[in-house]
Structures are given as C-alpha cells and as structure tokens.
Amino acid sequence: MRLRLAVLALGMFIIGTDNFVFAGILDSVADDFGIPTSAAGQLVTVFSLAFALLSPVLATLTAGWSRNRVLLCALVVFSIGNAATALAPNYPLMLLSRVVAAAGAALYTPNAAASATMLVPAEQRGRALSAVSGGLAAAAILGVPAGTWLAGRNSWQWVMWALVGSTAVVAAAVATALPRLAPGPAVGLRQRLRPLRDSRVLAVLGVTFLIFLGAFTVYTYIGDVLRPVTDGRGSVLAQLLVVYGIAGGVGTFIAGRATDRFGTSAVLITGLTGLTAGLLLLPVTGDTYPGAVVALAVWGVAGWSVTVPQQARLLGAAPEHGPLLISLNSAALTLGVAGSGTLGAFGIETLDASWLGLIGGAATGAALLLACTTYLRGRIPVAAAAAPPVSVGTAASALRDRG
C-alpha cells in the first residue's frame, strides 16, 4: 500500500517541481529569451490558468476511463509539454508548451488524490491525502533546489529534460504498481460545475484562491525578493529554498494527522495565521540570511498545512460531490497561482520586489478573514469537542463510495 501511495506522490512531486522550479530559474529563462523577469513570470501564470480552465473540461471528457488510464494519459501529455518547453526556440512557443504541460497536470492531480483515497481504509484517508500532497512538499524540499542547482551548473533546459525522464519512470510505475481503479462518475460539464452554486463551496474555494494568490505572489519571484541575501547567487538561493521545502514537508506531515484529530477549523486558522505572519515578516527580515531562514521556515510550515483541511472542508460541505470538489479546489488553487504571476509582476514594476511580502500577506490575511467569517456564520461544518469532527478521514469517504 505504501508503495502505491508513493507512486502517486512521486507523480505529484514531478508536477510540483515543474511548476515551482520556475521560481529558481526565472532569471535564466528571462536572460535566454531577452525578456524582463516579470514577463518570464507569466510562464507560471499561463501554466496555472490553463490548469484551472482545462481541469473540469478534461475531467468530463475522460469520465468513462479507468483512473489508471487517466493517470497514464496525463503523464504522457505532461511529458510532451515539458519536452516542448525544453525545445522551444522563442518565448511565444514556450508559452504554448506550458499549456500542453498544464493539460497533463490538470488530468493527473485530482485523479491522484481520488485514487489515493480508494487505496486505503476509511480511517486512513486523511493520511493518504497528506501522503499524496507530500509529493508537492517534496518538490519544494528537493525538486526546486535541485532544479535551481542544475540550471546554474548547466542550463534551465536540463531541468526540463530531467522532468521528462522522471515522468517516464513514474508512468512505468503507475502501469505496474497500481491495481485497477474504477472510473470516476460519468458527469457532464454542467453537472460538474453545479457545486459552484453552493455558497458554502464558493467560500472554501475563495479561501483556497486567496491562499495561493498571496503565497505565490512572493514565491514566483523569490529570487528577486531574496536578492539582498543571495546577491544573485544560485547556490545561496537553493539553500534557502531547501529551508522552505523542509518546513513545508513538516507542515504537510502535521496537517493530515492534526486535521483527523482536531478538525478543520483549528488547523486551517492556525496555518493561515502563521502563513500571513511569515509573508509579512519577509520585508523586515529578508535582507539578512538568518532573518530569511526564520521567515521561510514559518511560511513553509504554515503554508503547507492548509491544503488538507481545505480539502476536508469541501468534502464536509458537500460530500456527495467528493471527486468533483477536489477538482474544483485544484482549479481554485491554480487560478490563485495564475493571478500571482500577474500580481507579482505588477508589484515589481510599480513598487519593488521587497514589497511582495506585504502584498502576499495582505492576500493571505484576506483568506484568514474569509475563513473565520464562514466558520463564525456556520456556513461550513465546524469540528467541535461536543461532536465528531468533519475530518479528512470521514469526509473523504465519499471519494471511495463514488469512485
């Protein structure tokens, strides 16, 4: 069982590395194509926007396929997109290649999460979601620093080819290690989007959007934000990204168990408070190495702890739409990342990179306010001591029942 979850998590690791690594290689890409860093940041915007828009469409088109077939198809498309990115002769074609890679990622991500919950007993589903989400944290811990280092030693194209090769390995593992998994429900696009009529669902998706809008406004341009510390040295930036990644791994590990034990509200509110504090600290402490380490550690632990409780909130709000809600949450996440590329570019062009922490902190602070408001109004099920919490383990059971 652990091997199967590890295979799914490895796919998430590669997809996360593909998206996150541009934070470490953005300057190299910009130099290669002779464009400003803010323009290179739109590669992240295009990838994320394409992911969000294509996710429900592709889920509808592949609804009758077994999850195994969807996962394999996703990895093939993703690999083709990355190969095209490495070979792109100009900036417009590179933008197009990111759309292809995003299509593969949009197919893989929600199906990996749904598949993970089908592989384990009900009481372990929170940990299964945490394990798969841990692939994204591992991307921040290992993938981004390694990619940054590899690009510094060779070129950013080497990073893309490394991702292509790794994807082939994961595809082989998916084909051989996973049992046959039943298809998702055959749902049309209109029905797939029907949960968006529920104000409770919209509230949770709004929080997800604001979280990733704020966090990635800083992360996408982290090289510029930390330039006072790194002085443009890729090795120093890689060290700091390792700190952030390790902290993210800790946050993800804690989140699954804490959500199952304490419920969503305590974990989410605590995580959002820490995330906002970490981002707001960056402009104050980010000009010294120790200060940057502290800010990135707080940001990493808190920021990566919010994904699991957000999934649990959605499943608790409308468990009958389990798999669809995970897909919509992924779309909201990537829309936030898409917006961050534009918001961060605006901040750099009109103000300065040092201000991005305040801009990002304002967005995550708005997410915290929205989360608190919806809990206080009772619009999302709240875990209380007097009643069993709506945990990942219980709420996510809808995924298996409908898988």
Protein backbone atom coordinates (compact mmCIF):
# COMPACT_ATOMS: atom_id res chain seq x y z
CA MET A 1 0.00 0.00 0.00
CA ARG A 2 2.77 2.41 0.86
CA LEU A 3 4.45 1.70 -2.47
CA ARG A 4 1.26 2.58 -4.37
CA LEU A 5 0.81 5.83 -2.47
CA ALA A 6 4.49 6.59 -3.05
CA VAL A 7 4.00 6.17 -6.80
CA LEU A 8 1.12 8.68 -6.79
CA ALA A 9 3.11 11.05 -4.59
CA LEU A 10 6.11 10.81 -6.94
CA GLY A 11 3.92 12.00 -9.79
CA MET A 12 2.83 14.96 -7.65
CA PHE A 13 6.49 15.60 -6.87
CA ILE A 14 7.33 15.91 -10.57
CA ILE A 15 4.32 18.10 -11.33
CA GLY A 16 5.09 20.31 -8.34
CA THR A 17 8.74 20.60 -9.34
CA ASP A 18 7.74 21.54 -12.88
CA ASN A 19 5.61 24.44 -11.67
CA PHE A 20 7.59 25.55 -8.64
CA VAL A 21 11.07 25.33 -10.17
CA PHE A 22 10.46 28.40 -12.32
CA ALA A 23 10.92 30.42 -9.14
CA GLY A 24 14.57 29.32 -9.17
CA ILE A 25 15.23 29.52 -12.92
CA LEU A 26 13.18 32.57 -13.87
CA ASP A 27 16.22 34.80 -14.29
CA SER A 28 17.91 32.25 -16.58
CA VAL A 29 14.80 31.93 -18.75
CA ALA A 30 14.46 35.71 -18.94
CA ASP A 31 18.11 36.10 -19.98
CA ASP A 32 17.79 33.35 -22.60
CA PHE A 33 14.83 34.97 -24.34
CA GLY A 34 15.85 38.57 -23.67
CA ILE A 35 12.69 39.43 -21.71
CA PRO A 36 12.09 41.04 -18.28
CA THR A 37 11.74 38.77 -15.26
CA SER A 38 8.15 39.94 -14.87
CA ALA A 39 7.40 38.66 -18.40
CA ALA A 40 9.09 35.33 -17.68
CA GLY A 41 6.85 35.04 -14.63
CA GLN A 42 3.87 34.82 -16.96
CA LEU A 43 5.02 31.28 -17.82
CA VAL A 44 3.75 30.38 -14.36
CA THR A 45 0.56 32.36 -14.99
CA VAL A 46 -0.16 30.59 -18.29
CA PHE A 47 0.51 27.13 -16.84
CA SER A 48 -1.74 27.74 -13.85
CA LEU A 49 -4.53 29.40 -15.79
CA ALA A 50 -4.55 26.57 -18.35
CA PHE A 51 -4.62 24.04 -15.50
CA ALA A 52 -7.64 25.71 -13.92
CA LEU A 53 -9.63 26.05 -17.15
CA LEU A 54 -8.78 22.63 -18.55
CA SER A 55 -9.28 20.63 -15.35
CA PRO A 56 -13.10 20.38 -15.42
CA VAL A 57 -13.21 20.02 -19.21
CA LEU A 58 -10.68 17.18 -19.32
CA ALA A 59 -12.31 15.51 -16.32
CA THR A 60 -15.60 15.48 -18.25
CA LEU A 61 -14.01 14.10 -21.42
CA THR A 62 -12.26 11.27 -19.53
CA ALA A 63 -15.07 10.47 -17.07
CA GLY A 64 -15.62 6.97 -18.50
CA TRP A 65 -11.96 5.98 -18.35
CA SER A 66 -10.43 3.95 -15.56
CA ARG A 67 -8.33 6.09 -13.26
CA ASN A 68 -5.26 4.09 -14.32
CA ARG A 69 -5.76 5.11 -17.94
CA VAL A 70 -6.33 8.74 -16.98
CA LEU A 71 -3.15 8.82 -14.89
CA LEU A 72 -1.05 7.31 -17.68
CA CYS A 73 -2.51 9.62 -20.32
CA ALA A 74 -1.88 12.59 -18.04
CA LEU A 75 1.78 11.68 -17.58
CA VAL A 76 2.32 11.25 -21.33
CA VAL A 77 0.78 14.65 -22.15
CA PHE A 78 2.73 16.25 -19.32
CA SER A 79 5.99 14.78 -20.62
CA ILE A 80 5.30 16.01 -24.17
CA GLY A 81 4.68 19.51 -22.83
CA ASN A 82 7.95 19.60 -20.93
CA ALA A 83 9.91 18.30 -23.91
CA ALA A 84 8.36 21.09 -25.99
CA THR A 85 9.35 23.62 -23.30
CA ALA A 86 12.97 22.46 -23.45
CA LEU A 87 13.00 22.71 -27.26
CA ALA A 88 11.07 25.99 -27.56
CA PRO A 89 13.01 28.39 -29.83
CA ASN A 90 11.18 31.50 -28.65
CA TYR A 91 9.01 32.88 -25.87
CA PRO A 92 5.57 32.51 -27.58
CA LEU A 93 6.16 28.82 -28.34
CA MET A 94 7.37 28.28 -24.80
CA LEU A 95 4.09 29.75 -23.54
CA LEU A 96 2.20 27.28 -25.74
CA SER A 97 4.27 24.38 -24.43
CA ARG A 98 3.28 25.31 -20.88
CA VAL A 99 -0.37 24.93 -21.84
CA VAL A 100 0.32 21.35 -23.00
CA ALA A 101 2.17 20.53 -19.77
CA ALA A 102 -0.68 22.06 -17.78
CA ALA A 103 -3.19 19.79 -19.52
CA GLY A 104 -1.29 16.75 -18.27
CA ALA A 105 -1.03 18.18 -14.76
CA ALA A 106 -4.75 19.05 -14.75
CA LEU A 107 -5.60 15.41 -15.52
CA TYR A 108 -3.16 13.90 -13.03
CA THR A 109 -3.60 15.99 -9.87
CA PRO A 110 -7.28 15.41 -8.94
CA ASN A 111 -7.16 11.76 -10.08
CA ALA A 112 -4.08 11.08 -7.96
CA ALA A 113 -5.88 12.41 -4.87
CA ALA A 114 -9.05 10.45 -5.62
CA SER A 115 -7.04 7.29 -6.36
CA ALA A 116 -5.16 7.58 -3.07
CA THR A 117 -8.40 7.57 -1.06
CA MET A 118 -9.56 4.46 -2.93
CA LEU A 119 -6.44 2.53 -1.91
CA VAL A 120 -6.81 2.78 1.87
CA PRO A 121 -9.42 2.09 4.59
CA ALA A 122 -11.72 4.95 5.60
CA GLU A 123 -9.84 5.75 8.79
CA GLN A 124 -6.58 6.27 6.87
CA ARG A 125 -7.80 8.55 4.11
CA GLY A 126 -6.63 11.73 5.78
CA ARG A 127 -3.12 10.33 5.86
CA ALA A 128 -3.44 9.14 2.26
CA LEU A 129 -4.33 12.65 1.10
CA SER A 130 -1.48 14.01 3.20
CA ALA A 131 0.93 11.49 1.65
CA VAL A 132 0.00 12.49 -1.90
CA SER A 133 0.11 16.19 -1.02
CA GLY A 134 3.51 15.43 0.46
CA GLY A 135 4.75 14.97 -3.09
CA LEU A 136 4.24 18.69 -3.62
CA ALA A 137 6.09 19.48 -0.41
CA ALA A 138 8.91 17.17 -1.53
CA ALA A 139 9.06 19.16 -4.75
CA ALA A 140 9.78 22.24 -2.68
CA ILE A 141 12.27 20.37 -0.47
CA LEU A 142 14.24 18.57 -3.18
CA GLY A 143 12.95 19.37 -6.65
CA VAL A 144 13.22 23.16 -6.66
CA PRO A 145 16.67 23.40 -5.04
CA ALA A 146 17.96 20.57 -7.26
CA GLY A 147 16.49 22.21 -10.35
CA THR A 148 17.94 25.58 -9.37
CA TRP A 149 21.35 23.97 -8.88
CA LEU A 150 21.13 22.03 -12.16
CA ALA A 151 20.17 25.15 -14.10
CA GLY A 152 23.08 27.02 -12.53
CA ARG A 153 25.57 24.30 -13.45
CA ASN A 154 24.24 23.73 -16.98
CA SER A 155 21.08 25.42 -18.28
CA TRP A 156 17.38 25.57 -17.46
CA GLN A 157 16.69 23.20 -20.40
CA TRP A 158 18.45 20.44 -18.47
CA VAL A 159 15.79 20.80 -15.78
CA MET A 160 13.02 20.21 -18.32
CA TRP A 161 14.74 17.10 -19.72
CA ALA A 162 15.24 15.75 -16.19
CA LEU A 163 11.50 16.13 -15.64
CA VAL A 164 10.75 14.31 -18.91
CA GLY A 165 12.92 11.37 -17.85
CA SER A 166 11.42 11.27 -14.35
CA THR A 167 7.90 11.31 -15.76
CA ALA A 168 8.68 8.23 -17.85
CA VAL A 169 9.77 6.39 -14.69
CA VAL A 170 6.56 7.34 -12.87
CA ALA A 171 4.43 6.26 -15.84
CA ALA A 172 6.07 2.83 -15.78
CA ALA A 173 5.42 2.58 -12.03
CA VAL A 174 1.76 3.59 -12.44
CA ALA A 175 1.33 0.93 -15.12
CA THR A 176 2.81 -1.84 -12.98
CA ALA A 177 2.23 -0.98 -9.31
CA LEU A 178 -1.37 0.24 -9.14
CA PRO A 179 -4.34 -2.13 -9.11
CA ARG A 180 -7.20 -1.47 -11.49
CA LEU A 181 -9.13 1.54 -10.19
CA ALA A 182 -12.73 2.15 -11.17
CA PRO A 183 -13.61 5.17 -13.31
CA GLY A 184 -14.95 8.33 -11.76
CA PRO A 185 -18.63 9.18 -12.12
CA ALA A 186 -19.83 9.94 -15.65
CA VAL A 187 -20.73 13.57 -15.11
CA GLY A 188 -21.32 16.29 -17.70
CA LEU A 189 -19.58 19.65 -17.53
CA ARG A 190 -22.69 21.48 -16.36
CA GLN A 191 -23.26 18.99 -13.56
CA ARG A 192 -19.55 19.04 -12.75
CA LEU A 193 -19.76 22.78 -12.12
CA ARG A 194 -23.06 22.59 -10.22
CA PRO A 195 -21.38 22.66 -6.77
CA LEU A 196 -20.34 26.22 -7.58
CA ARG A 197 -23.95 27.23 -6.90
CA ASP A 198 -23.44 26.30 -3.24
CA SER A 199 -22.30 29.36 -1.27
CA ARG A 200 -20.51 27.13 1.23
CA VAL A 201 -18.41 25.62 -1.55
CA LEU A 202 -17.69 29.04 -3.04
CA ALA A 203 -16.49 30.27 0.35
CA VAL A 204 -13.97 27.44 0.67
CA LEU A 205 -12.79 27.86 -2.92
CA GLY A 206 -12.39 31.59 -2.28
CA VAL A 207 -10.09 30.84 0.65
CA THR A 208 -8.02 28.46 -1.49
CA PHE A 209 -7.73 31.08 -4.22
CA LEU A 210 -6.56 33.81 -1.82
CA ILE A 211 -4.07 31.50 -0.07
CA PHE A 212 -2.24 30.64 -3.27
CA LEU A 213 -2.60 34.12 -4.75
CA GLY A 214 -0.76 35.53 -1.75
CA ALA A 215 1.84 32.80 -1.26
CA PHE A 216 2.84 32.55 -4.91
CA THR A 217 2.93 36.30 -5.45
CA VAL A 218 6.09 36.01 -3.35
CA TYR A 219 7.27 32.52 -4.29
CA THR A 220 7.17 33.01 -8.07
CA TYR A 221 9.61 35.92 -7.73
CA ILE A 222 11.50 34.60 -4.70
CA GLY A 223 14.85 35.13 -6.44
CA ASP A 224 14.17 38.87 -6.66
CA VAL A 225 12.66 39.03 -3.16
CA LEU A 226 15.75 37.42 -1.60
CA ARG A 227 18.31 39.16 -3.79
CA PRO A 228 19.61 41.27 -0.85
CA VAL A 229 20.62 37.98 0.80
CA THR A 230 21.64 35.90 -2.21
CA ASP A 231 23.27 38.67 -4.26
CA GLY A 232 22.13 36.72 -7.32
CA ARG A 233 24.00 33.53 -6.31
CA GLY A 234 22.02 30.43 -7.23
CA SER A 235 23.71 28.30 -4.55
CA VAL A 236 22.52 30.59 -1.74
CA LEU A 237 19.01 30.73 -3.19
CA ALA A 238 18.98 26.92 -3.38
CA GLN A 239 19.94 26.73 0.32
CA LEU A 240 17.07 29.00 1.31
CA LEU A 241 14.64 27.05 -0.84
CA VAL A 242 15.73 23.88 0.97
CA VAL A 243 14.79 25.54 4.26
CA TYR A 244 11.39 26.45 2.87
CA GLY A 245 10.90 22.97 1.44
CA ILE A 246 11.82 21.12 4.64
CA ALA A 247 9.45 23.37 6.56
CA GLY A 248 6.74 22.57 4.01
CA GLY A 249 7.30 18.85 4.49
CA VAL A 250 6.87 19.25 8.24
CA GLY A 251 3.68 21.25 7.71
CA THR A 252 2.19 18.66 5.38
CA PHE A 253 3.09 15.79 7.72
CA ILE A 254 1.45 17.51 10.67
CA ALA A 255 -1.63 18.65 8.78
CA GLY A 256 -3.07 15.23 7.91
CA ARG A 257 -2.86 13.93 11.46
CA ALA A 258 -3.92 17.19 13.09
CA THR A 259 -6.97 17.51 10.83
CA ASP A 260 -8.09 13.96 11.59
CA ARG A 261 -7.67 14.62 15.32
CA PHE A 262 -8.72 18.25 15.85
CA GLY A 263 -10.92 19.01 12.82
CA THR A 264 -10.52 21.54 10.06
CA SER A 265 -11.08 24.85 11.82
CA ALA A 266 -8.17 24.72 14.28
CA VAL A 267 -5.66 23.53 11.68
CA LEU A 268 -6.76 25.96 8.96
CA ILE A 269 -6.95 29.08 11.15
CA THR A 270 -3.61 28.31 12.78
CA GLY A 271 -1.98 27.65 9.42
CA LEU A 272 -3.36 30.81 7.82
CA THR A 273 -2.22 32.93 10.76
CA GLY A 274 1.30 31.56 10.51
CA LEU A 275 1.38 31.90 6.72
CA THR A 276 0.34 35.54 6.86
CA ALA A 277 2.90 36.26 9.58
CA GLY A 278 5.67 34.57 7.58
CA LEU A 279 4.93 36.60 4.45
CA LEU A 280 4.65 39.88 6.35
CA LEU A 281 7.98 39.15 8.06
CA LEU A 282 9.87 38.86 4.78
CA PRO A 283 10.26 42.60 4.04
CA VAL A 284 11.53 43.11 7.61
CA THR A 285 13.84 40.11 7.93
CA GLY A 286 14.51 39.14 4.31
CA ASP A 287 17.64 41.27 3.94
CA THR A 288 19.69 39.04 6.29
CA TYR A 289 20.38 35.33 5.96
CA PRO A 290 19.17 34.32 9.47
CA GLY A 291 16.09 36.50 9.11
CA ALA A 292 15.24 34.98 5.74
CA VAL A 293 15.62 31.48 7.21
CA VAL A 294 13.15 32.28 10.01
CA ALA A 295 10.59 33.84 7.67
CA LEU A 296 10.81 30.98 5.16
CA ALA A 297 10.54 28.36 7.92
CA VAL A 298 7.39 29.92 9.36
CA TRP A 299 5.94 30.40 5.89
CA GLY A 300 6.75 26.83 4.86
CA VAL A 301 5.28 25.04 7.90
CA ALA A 302 2.14 27.17 7.99
CA GLY A 303 1.57 27.47 4.26
CA TRP A 304 1.77 23.74 3.55
CA SER A 305 -0.50 22.88 6.49
CA VAL A 306 -3.63 24.41 4.95
CA THR A 307 -4.18 22.15 1.91
CA VAL A 308 -5.52 19.09 3.73
CA PRO A 309 -8.04 20.96 5.93
CA GLN A 310 -9.24 22.84 2.87
CA GLN A 311 -9.98 19.54 1.11
CA ALA A 312 -11.74 18.31 4.24
CA ARG A 313 -13.89 21.46 4.44
CA LEU A 314 -15.05 20.96 0.87
CA LEU A 315 -15.87 17.32 1.42
CA GLY A 316 -17.73 18.21 4.62
CA ALA A 317 -19.71 20.94 2.88
CA ALA A 318 -20.97 18.70 0.06
CA PRO A 319 -19.72 15.10 0.42
CA GLU A 320 -21.99 13.90 -2.37
CA HIS A 321 -19.75 15.79 -4.83
CA GLY A 322 -16.45 14.48 -3.41
CA PRO A 323 -14.28 13.93 -6.51
CA LEU A 324 -15.71 16.98 -8.27
CA LEU A 325 -14.88 19.21 -5.31
CA ILE A 326 -11.24 18.08 -5.25
CA SER A 327 -11.03 19.02 -8.92
CA LEU A 328 -12.62 22.42 -8.29
CA ASN A 329 -10.26 23.03 -5.36
CA SER A 330 -7.30 22.27 -7.63
CA ALA A 331 -8.72 24.75 -10.14
CA ALA A 332 -9.09 27.45 -7.47
CA LEU A 333 -5.53 26.76 -6.32
CA THR A 334 -4.10 27.13 -9.79
CA LEU A 335 -6.19 30.24 -10.51
CA GLY A 336 -4.56 31.74 -7.43
CA VAL A 337 -1.12 30.81 -8.75
CA ALA A 338 -2.07 32.24 -12.16
CA GLY A 339 -3.12 35.51 -10.58
CA SER A 340 0.06 35.61 -8.51
CA GLY A 341 2.25 35.84 -11.60
CA THR A 342 0.40 38.97 -12.72
CA LEU A 343 0.08 40.47 -9.23
CA GLY A 344 3.75 39.87 -8.51
CA ALA A 345 4.79 41.38 -11.84
CA PHE A 346 2.66 44.44 -11.05
CA GLY A 347 4.29 44.74 -7.64
CA ILE A 348 7.80 44.55 -9.10
CA GLU A 349 7.08 47.02 -11.91
CA THR A 350 5.23 49.62 -9.83
CA LEU A 351 6.87 49.24 -6.42
CA ASP A 352 9.78 46.90 -5.72
CA ALA A 353 10.36 43.19 -5.10
CA SER A 354 10.84 43.91 -1.40
CA TRP A 355 7.14 44.86 -1.20
CA LEU A 356 5.89 41.50 -2.44
CA GLY A 357 5.80 40.02 1.08
CA LEU A 358 3.35 42.72 2.16
CA ILE A 359 1.21 42.22 -0.95
CA GLY A 360 1.17 38.45 -0.48
CA GLY A 361 0.48 38.80 3.25
CA ALA A 362 -2.48 41.04 2.51
CA ALA A 363 -3.99 38.35 0.26
CA THR A 364 -3.50 35.53 2.79
CA GLY A 365 -4.80 37.83 5.52
CA ALA A 366 -7.97 38.20 3.45
CA ALA A 367 -8.14 34.40 3.24
CA LEU A 368 -7.87 34.20 7.03
CA LEU A 369 -10.66 36.76 7.43
CA LEU A 370 -12.91 34.88 5.00
CA ALA A 371 -12.25 31.55 6.70
CA CYS A 372 -13.03 32.98 10.15
CA THR A 373 -16.19 34.64 8.85
CA THR A 374 -17.56 31.47 7.30
CA TYR A 375 -16.82 29.44 10.41
CA LEU A 376 -18.48 32.00 12.71
CA ARG A 377 -21.56 32.15 10.48
CA GLY A 378 -21.77 28.37 10.48
CA ARG A 379 -21.72 28.15 6.69
CA ILE A 380 -19.09 25.41 6.80
CA PRO A 381 -19.36 22.44 9.19
CA VAL A 382 -17.22 23.20 12.26
CA ALA A 383 -15.46 20.50 14.26
CA ALA A 384 -16.30 20.95 17.93
CA ALA A 385 -15.42 18.97 21.02
CA ALA A 386 -19.06 18.05 21.58
CA ALA A 387 -19.39 16.34 18.21
CA PRO A 388 -17.21 14.21 15.95
CA PRO A 389 -15.07 16.43 13.72
CA VAL A 390 -15.56 16.55 9.99
CA SER A 391 -12.14 15.05 9.37
CA VAL A 392 -10.38 14.15 6.20
CA GLY A 393 -10.82 10.52 7.12
CA THR A 394 -14.63 10.69 7.47
CA ALA A 395 -15.47 13.29 4.88
CA ALA A 396 -13.24 11.82 2.21
CA SER A 397 -15.12 8.53 2.38
CA ALA A 398 -17.36 9.96 -0.32
CA LEU A 399 -14.49 9.60 -2.74
CA ARG A 400 -14.27 5.85 -2.40
CA ASP A 401 -18.03 5.35 -2.30
CA ARG A 402 -18.31 7.18 -5.63
CA GLY A 403 -15.01 6.03 -7.14
